[in-house]
Amino acid sequence: MNSYRVHDGASHRIDEIYLCTRATWGEAQARHYIRGLFAHFEAIAARRIAWRPIPAEFGVAGYFSRYEKHFVYWKVLGDGAVGIVAVLHQRMHQIARLREDAER
């Protein structure tokens, strides 16, 4: 079975995404976006999404993909599950924020 776990840094960002989306576009859109994000996590765990390595200059090993306006970063855990490390908006400084979330 393919599974995933959301790490603390990513969980914090998901909460921020939900609150910002709700404040800007309403409850229904916020729920829709978050459901889509979790479906994306499931697709990553099922290996239905291309696994692109995080560039070496980021200094964090793992993979990433894009979901709408966000980049999702993950690594493979010891048991083979996917660990979602960070979910960052495309306008965020990716290197600094990824390192910050990976340390949480």
Protein backbone atom coordinates (compact mmCIF):
# COMPACT_ATOMS: atom_id res chain seq x y z
CA MET A 1 0.00 0.00 0.00
CA ASN A 2 1.27 3.44 -0.92
CA SER A 3 0.95 5.93 1.90
CA TYR A 4 2.07 9.39 2.85
CA ARG A 5 2.59 11.37 6.03
CA VAL A 6 2.43 15.15 6.34
CA HIS A 7 5.32 16.55 8.39
CA ASP A 8 4.89 19.45 10.82
CA GLY A 9 6.30 22.11 8.48
CA ALA A 10 3.95 21.09 5.68
CA SER A 11 1.00 20.85 8.06
CA HIS A 12 1.61 24.43 9.17
CA ARG A 13 1.71 25.62 5.54
CA ILE A 14 -1.49 23.74 4.69
CA ASP A 15 -3.25 25.52 7.56
CA GLU A 16 -1.98 28.86 6.19
CA ILE A 17 -3.16 27.98 2.67
CA TYR A 18 -6.61 27.10 3.94
CA LEU A 19 -6.98 30.28 6.00
CA CYS A 20 -5.69 32.56 3.23
CA THR A 21 -7.88 30.90 0.58
CA ARG A 22 -10.94 31.08 2.83
CA ALA A 23 -10.34 34.77 3.58
CA THR A 24 -9.87 35.61 -0.10
CA TRP A 25 -12.26 33.30 -1.97
CA GLY A 26 -14.54 31.77 0.65
CA GLU A 27 -15.08 28.51 2.51
CA ALA A 28 -16.15 26.43 -0.51
CA GLN A 29 -13.04 27.34 -2.53
CA ALA A 30 -10.76 26.76 0.47
CA ARG A 31 -12.17 23.26 0.97
CA HIS A 32 -11.96 22.52 -2.76
CA TYR A 33 -8.30 23.57 -2.94
CA ILE A 34 -7.28 21.59 0.16
CA ARG A 35 -9.11 18.47 -1.07
CA GLY A 36 -7.23 18.79 -4.36
CA LEU A 37 -3.95 19.21 -2.53
CA PHE A 38 -4.52 16.01 -0.53
CA ALA A 39 -5.51 14.18 -3.74
CA HIS A 40 -2.15 15.35 -5.13
CA PHE A 41 -0.40 13.84 -2.09
CA GLU A 42 -2.18 10.55 -2.75
CA ALA A 43 -1.10 10.64 -6.41
CA ILE A 44 2.51 11.24 -5.33
CA ALA A 45 2.38 8.28 -2.92
CA ALA A 46 0.87 6.10 -5.66
CA ARG A 47 3.69 7.19 -8.01
CA ARG A 48 1.21 8.74 -10.49
CA ILE A 49 3.06 12.07 -10.35
CA ALA A 50 6.52 12.57 -11.87
CA TRP A 51 9.22 12.52 -9.18
CA ARG A 52 11.59 15.36 -10.00
CA PRO A 53 14.63 15.61 -7.71
CA ILE A 54 14.96 18.78 -5.65
CA PRO A 55 17.84 20.81 -7.17
CA ALA A 56 21.14 20.27 -5.35
CA GLU A 57 21.52 23.99 -4.55
CA PHE A 58 18.50 23.72 -2.22
CA GLY A 59 20.61 21.58 0.14
CA VAL A 60 17.66 19.28 0.90
CA ALA A 61 17.36 15.80 -0.56
CA GLY A 62 14.02 14.69 -1.96
CA TYR A 63 11.55 15.38 -4.73
CA PHE A 64 9.05 18.01 -5.80
CA SER A 65 6.06 18.63 -8.03
CA ARG A 66 3.64 21.45 -8.65
CA TYR A 67 0.01 21.63 -7.58
CA GLU A 68 -1.67 24.72 -9.04
CA LYS A 69 0.00 27.70 -7.30
CA HIS A 70 2.10 25.61 -4.89
CA PHE A 71 5.17 23.41 -4.97
CA VAL A 72 5.01 20.19 -2.96
CA TYR A 73 8.29 18.81 -1.58
CA TRP A 74 8.67 15.28 -0.22
CA LYS A 75 11.10 12.52 0.66
CA VAL A 76 10.87 8.75 0.90
CA LEU A 77 10.72 7.55 4.49
CA GLY A 78 12.41 4.43 5.86
CA ASP A 79 9.24 2.37 5.50
CA GLY A 80 8.76 3.44 1.85
CA ALA A 81 5.99 5.94 2.62
CA VAL A 82 6.18 9.46 1.25
CA GLY A 83 6.87 12.22 3.78
CA ILE A 84 5.38 15.54 2.67
CA VAL A 85 7.96 18.03 3.93
CA ALA A 86 6.73 21.38 2.59
CA VAL A 87 3.98 22.99 0.53
CA LEU A 88 5.13 26.41 -0.67
CA HIS A 89 3.41 29.07 -2.76
CA GLN A 90 5.12 29.78 -6.06
CA ARG A 91 5.94 33.34 -4.94
CA MET A 92 7.76 32.24 -1.78
CA HIS A 93 11.54 32.02 -1.66
CA GLN A 94 11.72 28.27 -2.20
CA ILE A 95 15.21 27.50 -0.89
CA ALA A 96 14.92 29.35 2.44
CA ARG A 97 11.36 28.22 3.17
CA LEU A 98 12.04 24.59 2.23
CA ARG A 99 15.03 24.48 4.57
CA GLU A 100 12.92 26.06 7.32
CA ASP A 101 10.08 23.56 6.91
CA ALA A 102 12.44 20.58 6.59
CA GLU A 103 13.89 21.44 10.02
CA ARG A 104 10.49 21.46 11.79
